[in-house]
Amino acid sequence: MLSFALLEKRSMALAELPAYVARVPILAELNSRYLLMTPAAMAEWLLKDLERAGALRRENDMLVATGS
């Protein structure tokens, strides 16, 4: 979900990511059922995974989609 949102928006402030994770119903439900992380921890987990996959990168305080 996050990678598709970033493809649409092209970028997102890094500080917005925990609120995004808590606000998007499927991410919030996944977290509450299986991961049991704080929104900040889940945001960091997603971020690291998507960076490793090459789907996004950090530029200063922004997340930027790498796909086109």
PDB file of N, CA and C in Angstrom:
ATOM      1  N   MET A   1       0.814  -1.188   0.000  1.00  0.00           N
ATOM      2  CA  MET A   1       0.000   0.000   0.000  1.00  0.00           C
ATOM      3  C   MET A   1       0.868   1.266   0.000  1.00  0.00           C
ATOM      4  N   LEU A   2       1.881   1.265   0.822  1.00  0.00           N
ATOM      5  CA  LEU A   2       2.733   2.446   0.913  1.00  0.00           C
ATOM      6  C   LEU A   2       3.446   2.707  -0.408  1.00  0.00           C
ATOM      7  N   SER A   3       3.946   1.673  -1.026  1.00  0.00           N
ATOM      8  CA  SER A   3       4.671   1.886  -2.286  1.00  0.00           C
ATOM      9  C   SER A   3       3.746   2.433  -3.364  1.00  0.00           C
ATOM     10  N   PHE A   4       2.498   1.976  -3.406  1.00  0.00           N
ATOM     11  CA  PHE A   4       1.541   2.496  -4.394  1.00  0.00           C
ATOM     12  C   PHE A   4       1.164   3.942  -4.074  1.00  0.00           C
ATOM     13  N   ALA A   5       0.994   4.259  -2.807  1.00  0.00           N
ATOM     14  CA  ALA A   5       0.692   5.637  -2.421  1.00  0.00           C
ATOM     15  C   ALA A   5       1.837   6.567  -2.812  1.00  0.00           C
ATOM     16  N   LEU A   6       3.064   6.100  -2.616  1.00  0.00           N
ATOM     17  CA  LEU A   6       4.215   6.926  -2.995  1.00  0.00           C
ATOM     18  C   LEU A   6       4.340   7.067  -4.500  1.00  0.00           C
ATOM     19  N   LEU A   7       3.992   6.033  -5.239  1.00  0.00           N
ATOM     20  CA  LEU A   7       4.020   6.157  -6.695  1.00  0.00           C
ATOM     21  C   LEU A   7       3.033   7.225  -7.154  1.00  0.00           C
ATOM     22  N   GLU A   8       1.882   7.281  -6.500  1.00  0.00           N
ATOM     23  CA  GLU A   8       0.874   8.281  -6.855  1.00  0.00           C
ATOM     24  C   GLU A   8       1.310   9.683  -6.432  1.00  0.00           C
ATOM     25  N   LYS A   9       1.788   9.807  -5.184  1.00  0.00           N
ATOM     26  CA  LYS A   9       2.156  11.117  -4.646  1.00  0.00           C
ATOM     27  C   LYS A   9       3.567  11.541  -5.038  1.00  0.00           C
ATOM     28  N   ARG A  10       4.420  10.585  -5.373  1.00  0.00           N
ATOM     29  CA  ARG A  10       5.836  10.753  -5.704  1.00  0.00           C
ATOM     30  C   ARG A  10       6.711  10.945  -4.483  1.00  0.00           C
ATOM     31  N   SER A  11       6.185  11.535  -3.411  1.00  0.00           N
ATOM     32  CA  SER A  11       6.984  11.691  -2.203  1.00  0.00           C
ATOM     33  C   SER A  11       6.072  11.885  -0.991  1.00  0.00           C
ATOM     34  N   MET A  12       6.661  11.709   0.176  1.00  0.00           N
ATOM     35  CA  MET A  12       5.938  11.879   1.432  1.00  0.00           C
ATOM     36  C   MET A  12       6.969  12.267   2.484  1.00  0.00           C
ATOM     37  N   ALA A  13       6.576  13.149   3.369  1.00  0.00           N
ATOM     38  CA  ALA A  13       7.471  13.513   4.471  1.00  0.00           C
ATOM     39  C   ALA A  13       7.658  12.297   5.377  1.00  0.00           C
ATOM     40  N   LEU A  14       8.889  12.038   5.737  1.00  0.00           N
ATOM     41  CA  LEU A  14       9.206  10.906   6.599  1.00  0.00           C
ATOM     42  C   LEU A  14       8.429  10.984   7.913  1.00  0.00           C
ATOM     43  N   ALA A  15       8.250  12.173   8.431  1.00  0.00           N
ATOM     44  CA  ALA A  15       7.534  12.357   9.699  1.00  0.00           C
ATOM     45  C   ALA A  15       6.060  11.966   9.607  1.00  0.00           C
ATOM     46  N   GLU A  16       5.495  11.951   8.392  1.00  0.00           N
ATOM     47  CA  GLU A  16       4.089  11.591   8.193  1.00  0.00           C
ATOM     48  C   GLU A  16       3.848  10.084   8.196  1.00  0.00           C
ATOM     49  N   LEU A  17       4.891   9.305   8.050  1.00  0.00           N
ATOM     50  CA  LEU A  17       4.729   7.867   7.864  1.00  0.00           C
ATOM     51  C   LEU A  17       4.039   7.155   9.031  1.00  0.00           C
ATOM     52  N   PRO A  18       4.383   7.396  10.289  1.00  0.00           N
ATOM     53  CA  PRO A  18       3.658   6.706  11.366  1.00  0.00           C
ATOM     54  C   PRO A  18       2.157   7.001  11.366  1.00  0.00           C
ATOM     55  N   ALA A  19       1.768   8.245  11.104  1.00  0.00           N
ATOM     56  CA  ALA A  19       0.342   8.587  11.040  1.00  0.00           C
ATOM     57  C   ALA A  19      -0.323   7.908   9.850  1.00  0.00           C
ATOM     58  N   TYR A  20       0.382   7.823   8.736  1.00  0.00           N
ATOM     59  CA  TYR A  20      -0.148   7.137   7.551  1.00  0.00           C
ATOM     60  C   TYR A  20      -0.414   5.664   7.869  1.00  0.00           C
ATOM     61  N   VAL A  21       0.544   5.016   8.522  1.00  0.00           N
ATOM     62  CA  VAL A  21       0.403   3.604   8.891  1.00  0.00           C
ATOM     63  C   VAL A  21      -0.802   3.404   9.814  1.00  0.00           C
ATOM     64  N   ALA A  22      -1.015   4.326  10.730  1.00  0.00           N
ATOM     65  CA  ALA A  22      -2.143   4.219  11.664  1.00  0.00           C
ATOM     66  C   ALA A  22      -3.470   4.555  10.990  1.00  0.00           C
ATOM     67  N   ARG A  23      -3.451   5.396   9.963  1.00  0.00           N
ATOM     68  CA  ARG A  23      -4.668   5.880   9.309  1.00  0.00           C
ATOM     69  C   ARG A  23      -5.203   4.945   8.225  1.00  0.00           C
ATOM     70  N   VAL A  24      -4.330   4.251   7.512  1.00  0.00           N
ATOM     71  CA  VAL A  24      -4.761   3.383   6.411  1.00  0.00           C
ATOM     72  C   VAL A  24      -5.314   2.087   7.008  1.00  0.00           C
ATOM     73  N   PRO A  25      -6.603   1.822   6.780  1.00  0.00           N
ATOM     74  CA  PRO A  25      -7.249   0.691   7.467  1.00  0.00           C
ATOM     75  C   PRO A  25      -6.550  -0.655   7.311  1.00  0.00           C
ATOM     76  N   ILE A  26      -6.119  -1.014   6.128  1.00  0.00           N
ATOM     77  CA  ILE A  26      -5.519  -2.341   5.951  1.00  0.00           C
ATOM     78  C   ILE A  26      -4.187  -2.449   6.686  1.00  0.00           C
ATOM     79  N   LEU A  27      -3.421  -1.367   6.721  1.00  0.00           N
ATOM     80  CA  LEU A  27      -2.154  -1.393   7.450  1.00  0.00           C
ATOM     81  C   LEU A  27      -2.394  -1.437   8.951  1.00  0.00           C
ATOM     82  N   ALA A  28      -3.358  -0.652   9.423  1.00  0.00           N
ATOM     83  CA  ALA A  28      -3.678  -0.651  10.852  1.00  0.00           C
ATOM     84  C   ALA A  28      -4.197  -2.019  11.297  1.00  0.00           C
ATOM     85  N   GLU A  29      -5.022  -2.644  10.474  1.00  0.00           N
ATOM     86  CA  GLU A  29      -5.545  -3.962  10.835  1.00  0.00           C
ATOM     87  C   GLU A  29      -4.454  -5.025  10.804  1.00  0.00           C
ATOM     88  N   LEU A  30      -3.608  -5.004   9.806  1.00  0.00           N
ATOM     89  CA  LEU A  30      -2.483  -5.935   9.735  1.00  0.00           C
ATOM     90  C   LEU A  30      -1.623  -5.813  10.985  1.00  0.00           C
ATOM     91  N   ASN A  31      -1.363  -4.587  11.374  1.00  0.00           N
ATOM     92  CA  ASN A  31      -0.545  -4.354  12.551  1.00  0.00           C
ATOM     93  C   ASN A  31      -1.233  -4.849  13.819  1.00  0.00           C
ATOM     94  N   SER A  32      -2.506  -4.526  13.979  1.00  0.00           N
ATOM     95  CA  SER A  32      -3.195  -4.907  15.215  1.00  0.00           C
ATOM     96  C   SER A  32      -3.415  -6.412  15.320  1.00  0.00           C
ATOM     97  N   ARG A  33      -3.550  -7.087  14.195  1.00  0.00           N
ATOM     98  CA  ARG A  33      -3.770  -8.544  14.222  1.00  0.00           C
ATOM     99  C   ARG A  33      -2.493  -9.354  14.340  1.00  0.00           C
ATOM    100  N   TYR A  34      -1.445  -8.925  13.640  1.00  0.00           N
ATOM    101  CA  TYR A  34      -0.273  -9.785  13.506  1.00  0.00           C
ATOM    102  C   TYR A  34       1.037  -9.197  14.034  1.00  0.00           C
ATOM    103  N   LEU A  35       1.271  -7.939  13.797  1.00  0.00           N
ATOM    104  CA  LEU A  35       2.589  -7.376  14.105  1.00  0.00           C
ATOM    105  C   LEU A  35       2.686  -6.797  15.508  1.00  0.00           C
ATOM    106  N   LEU A  36       1.631  -6.169  15.967  1.00  0.00           N
ATOM    107  CA  LEU A  36       1.567  -5.602  17.313  1.00  0.00           C
ATOM    108  C   LEU A  36       2.703  -4.611  17.572  1.00  0.00           C
ATOM    109  N   MET A  37       2.977  -3.768  16.598  1.00  0.00           N
ATOM    110  CA  MET A  37       4.018  -2.750  16.701  1.00  0.00           C
ATOM    111  C   MET A  37       3.372  -1.384  16.935  1.00  0.00           C
ATOM    112  N   THR A  38       4.145  -0.458  17.451  1.00  0.00           N
ATOM    113  CA  THR A  38       3.676   0.924  17.472  1.00  0.00           C
ATOM    114  C   THR A  38       3.639   1.407  16.015  1.00  0.00           C
ATOM    115  N   PRO A  39       2.842   2.423  15.710  1.00  0.00           N
ATOM    116  CA  PRO A  39       2.864   2.958  14.341  1.00  0.00           C
ATOM    117  C   PRO A  39       4.264   3.381  13.899  1.00  0.00           C
ATOM    118  N   ALA A  40       5.041   3.946  14.806  1.00  0.00           N
ATOM    119  CA  ALA A  40       6.405   4.351  14.443  1.00  0.00           C
ATOM    120  C   ALA A  40       7.286   3.150  14.122  1.00  0.00           C
ATOM    121  N   ALA A  41       7.162   2.085  14.887  1.00  0.00           N
ATOM    122  CA  ALA A  41       7.956   0.878  14.637  1.00  0.00           C
ATOM    123  C   ALA A  41       7.531   0.215  13.333  1.00  0.00           C
ATOM    124  N   MET A  42       6.230   0.165  13.077  1.00  0.00           N
ATOM    125  CA  MET A  42       5.766  -0.428  11.826  1.00  0.00           C
ATOM    126  C   MET A  42       6.212   0.417  10.639  1.00  0.00           C
ATOM    127  N   ALA A  43       6.163   1.724  10.780  1.00  0.00           N
ATOM    128  CA  ALA A  43       6.613   2.613   9.717  1.00  0.00           C
ATOM    129  C   ALA A  43       8.086   2.369   9.395  1.00  0.00           C
ATOM    130  N   GLU A  44       8.906   2.248  10.413  1.00  0.00           N
ATOM    131  CA  GLU A  44      10.334   1.986  10.205  1.00  0.00           C
ATOM    132  C   GLU A  44      10.550   0.616   9.559  1.00  0.00           C
ATOM    133  N   TRP A  45       9.792  -0.376   9.983  1.00  0.00           N
ATOM    134  CA  TRP A  45       9.875  -1.725   9.419  1.00  0.00           C
ATOM    135  C   TRP A  45       9.527  -1.701   7.932  1.00  0.00           C
ATOM    136  N   LEU A  46       8.417  -1.026   7.590  1.00  0.00           N
ATOM    137  CA  LEU A  46       8.022  -0.917   6.184  1.00  0.00           C
ATOM    138  C   LEU A  46       9.077  -0.168   5.378  1.00  0.00           C
ATOM    139  N   LEU A  47       9.558   0.909   5.946  1.00  0.00           N
ATOM    140  CA  LEU A  47      10.549   1.730   5.264  1.00  0.00           C
ATOM    141  C   LEU A  47      11.807   0.935   4.936  1.00  0.00           C
ATOM    142  N   LYS A  48      12.327   0.221   5.890  1.00  0.00           N
ATOM    143  CA  LYS A  48      13.528  -0.585   5.654  1.00  0.00           C
ATOM    144  C   LYS A  48      13.293  -1.647   4.591  1.00  0.00           C
ATOM    145  N   ASP A  49      12.132  -2.291   4.641  1.00  0.00           N
ATOM    146  CA  ASP A  49      11.824  -3.337   3.674  1.00  0.00           C
ATOM    147  C   ASP A  49      11.689  -2.766   2.261  1.00  0.00           C
ATOM    148  N   LEU A  50      11.009  -1.646   2.119  1.00  0.00           N
ATOM    149  CA  LEU A  50      10.834  -1.035   0.803  1.00  0.00           C
ATOM    150  C   LEU A  50      12.122  -0.417   0.274  1.00  0.00           C
ATOM    151  N   GLU A  51      12.978   0.070   1.161  1.00  0.00           N
ATOM    152  CA  GLU A  51      14.304   0.541   0.729  1.00  0.00           C
ATOM    153  C   GLU A  51      15.131  -0.628   0.216  1.00  0.00           C
ATOM    154  N   ARG A  52      15.115  -1.724   0.949  1.00  0.00           N
ATOM    155  CA  ARG A  52      15.879  -2.909   0.550  1.00  0.00           C
ATOM    156  C   ARG A  52      15.407  -3.436  -0.802  1.00  0.00           C
ATOM    157  N   ALA A  53      14.099  -3.342  -1.058  1.00  0.00           N
ATOM    158  CA  ALA A  53      13.541  -3.807  -2.329  1.00  0.00           C
ATOM    159  C   ALA A  53      13.765  -2.809  -3.465  1.00  0.00           C
ATOM    160  N   GLY A  54      14.227  -1.600  -3.119  1.00  0.00           N
ATOM    161  CA  GLY A  54      14.464  -0.593  -4.147  1.00  0.00           C
ATOM    162  C   GLY A  54      13.213   0.153  -4.565  1.00  0.00           C
ATOM    163  N   ALA A  55      12.140   0.067  -3.780  1.00  0.00           N
ATOM    164  CA  ALA A  55      10.884   0.722  -4.132  1.00  0.00           C
ATOM    165  C   ALA A  55      10.852   2.189  -3.727  1.00  0.00           C
ATOM    166  N   LEU A  56      11.686   2.566  -2.762  1.00  0.00           N
ATOM    167  CA  LEU A  56      11.744   3.965  -2.351  1.00  0.00           C
ATOM    168  C   LEU A  56      13.114   4.267  -1.799  1.00  0.00           C
ATOM    169  N   ARG A  57      13.374   5.549  -1.643  1.00  0.00           N
ATOM    170  CA  ARG A  57      14.631   5.995  -1.031  1.00  0.00           C
ATOM    171  C   ARG A  57      14.344   7.218  -0.165  1.00  0.00           C
ATOM    172  N   ARG A  58      15.247   7.474   0.760  1.00  0.00           N
ATOM    173  CA  ARG A  58      15.144   8.658   1.613  1.00  0.00           C
ATOM    174  C   ARG A  58      15.955   9.776   0.976  1.00  0.00           C
ATOM    175  N   GLU A  59      15.376  10.932   0.912  1.00  0.00           N
ATOM    176  CA  GLU A  59      16.086  12.136   0.488  1.00  0.00           C
ATOM    177  C   GLU A  59      15.805  13.203   1.530  1.00  0.00           C
ATOM    178  N   ASN A  60      16.809  13.491   2.330  1.00  0.00           N
ATOM    179  CA  ASN A  60      16.665  14.402   3.465  1.00  0.00           C
ATOM    180  C   ASN A  60      15.553  13.886   4.363  1.00  0.00           C
ATOM    181  N   ASP A  61      14.488  14.631   4.554  1.00  0.00           N
ATOM    182  CA  ASP A  61      13.384  14.215   5.413  1.00  0.00           C
ATOM    183  C   ASP A  61      12.181  13.724   4.618  1.00  0.00           C
ATOM    184  N   MET A  62      12.428  13.302   3.382  1.00  0.00           N
ATOM    185  CA  MET A  62      11.349  12.862   2.491  1.00  0.00           C
ATOM    186  C   MET A  62      11.564  11.413   2.052  1.00  0.00           C
ATOM    187  N   LEU A  63      10.448  10.726   1.789  1.00  0.00           N
ATOM    188  CA  LEU A  63      10.470   9.423   1.137  1.00  0.00           C
ATOM    189  C   LEU A  63      10.109   9.653  -0.311  1.00  0.00           C
ATOM    190  N   VAL A  64      10.860   9.067  -1.211  1.00  0.00           N
ATOM    191  CA  VAL A  64      10.657   9.289  -2.638  1.00  0.00           C
ATOM    192  C   VAL A  64      10.521   7.940  -3.325  1.00  0.00           C
ATOM    193  N   ALA A  65       9.477   7.795  -4.136  1.00  0.00           N
ATOM    194  CA  ALA A  65       9.266   6.569  -4.912  1.00  0.00           C
ATOM    195  C   ALA A  65      10.355   6.461  -5.974  1.00  0.00           C
ATOM    196  N   THR A  66      10.838   5.250  -6.209  1.00  0.00           N
ATOM    197  CA  THR A  66      11.866   5.064  -7.227  1.00  0.00           C
ATOM    198  C   THR A  66      11.292   4.502  -8.511  1.00  0.00           C
ATOM    199  N   GLY A  67      10.069   3.981  -8.487  1.00  0.00           N
ATOM    200  CA  GLY A  67       9.429   3.451  -9.689  1.00  0.00           C
ATOM    201  C   GLY A  67       8.839   4.573 -10.516  1.00  0.00           C
ATOM    202  N   SER A  68       8.428   4.217 -11.734  1.00  0.00           N
ATOM    203  CA  SER A  68       7.818   5.256 -12.578  1.00  0.00           C
ATOM    204  C   SER A  68       6.418   4.893 -12.970  1.00  0.00           C
TER     205      SER A  68
END
